[in-house]
Amino acid sequence: MSMYDTGLLDYISFRQSTHLNYHRSTIDLQDYGKLIPQAMKFVQQDLPTAALSIGNDPKLLLELGIRQWTGYGAPQDKPGALARWTVLASLREDVPLSLKARAYSSLARGWFDQAHENAPETLNISYLYDAGNSANEAVALGLISPAVLAVATRIESVGFRRPEDNKFPEHSTERFERLTDLWEALDARDAEMAEENLKREVKVSKDPLSYFCAAEDCGIVATKKSTLWRCGGGCPPAFKPSYCSKYCQKADRKHHRPFCRPDATESSVRPTDSTSATTVERGPSPPEDTSPERFQPGPERTIDVNLGGRTVQISSSTIGPQMLREMREGLEGRF
């Protein structure tokens, strides 16, 4: 089985996005170098036959649902997975609250995926509400997972949080407005993000060329100067561009070459706004990176993702630059 097996990555992604609070998942989700072999070893273990019985171990039933949803470690059966999580979340009284919360979070992710099953631009409103309701229940039980926040962001982006923002006037926003625990969680996360972004912009604005990857459309921003590689050519230190990978450096070479000389008086990369951490003019797009660098550990990198008009940030010290860009494209494609 390949280390980069798509089914395995889907399994890891689902588990991490639904079972952990978003504060923890921003660390654990990134450590694929450790998670991949651990997950492979775990999934290769057959679940006890008793797990197939609704009357048995809730933890095993929760796990079986994930395997059925992703089709990794068990035949794919999405209706069966939703049914198991529903039983755990709302129909059994012997399930610990922490497991109920994970079951609701799994339901939120499941219904969210179902709401977009046909195409990103096609939205099943009923399934989206089921996702929101499950996410609200997970928050009420103390679990604010990445999946929960993704559901909240999507609901808000299509205008169902407030009547004045509704993009589907044939549908009422009333039931979505009642998801108060979910909206409180989203607002709290937004406040955290605003504070984090302000700190980042202040730091980056002091020396933007050291923090941005210069390749066009890359979007990687370093949290430390040492994260990126600076041009080793003859351009003055004050004008040297930085790169997240050799692929981006190669892609930007033609654009940067005229500026890469000792007598250069400007850089090939110029922030259009000295206070902005996101607006930079760059060179040509980087080529596709198919090397193991996609999972290369290193200093922390960040990338901004636009989710229906809301910008969120993915940070990683163990996922390579290309993999981060792929995650951004995949997530933005859903919104």
Foldseek 3Di string as FASTA:
>chain_A
DDLVPVLLLQLLVLCLQQQAAAVVSLAVVFPSVPVSVVSVVVLVDQDDPCLVDLPDDLVSLLSVLSCLCSVRSHHNDNVSSLVSLCCQQPVDPPHDLSSNLSSLSSLLLSLLCVQQVVFLVHGDVVSLLSSQVSLLSSLVSPGHGNSSLLSVLQCVLCPLCDPVNHPDVVDHSVSVVVSVSSVVVNVVVVVVVVVVQQVQLVVCLVQVQLFDAQAPPLQKGAPDSVQWAWDPAQADPSQIHTHNDPQRCVQQCVQQVVQRHNPRPHHSKDAPDSSDNGGIDHGYHGDQDPDPLQQAAAHKMKGWAQQSNDIDIRIHRGGHSNVRSVVRVVRNRND
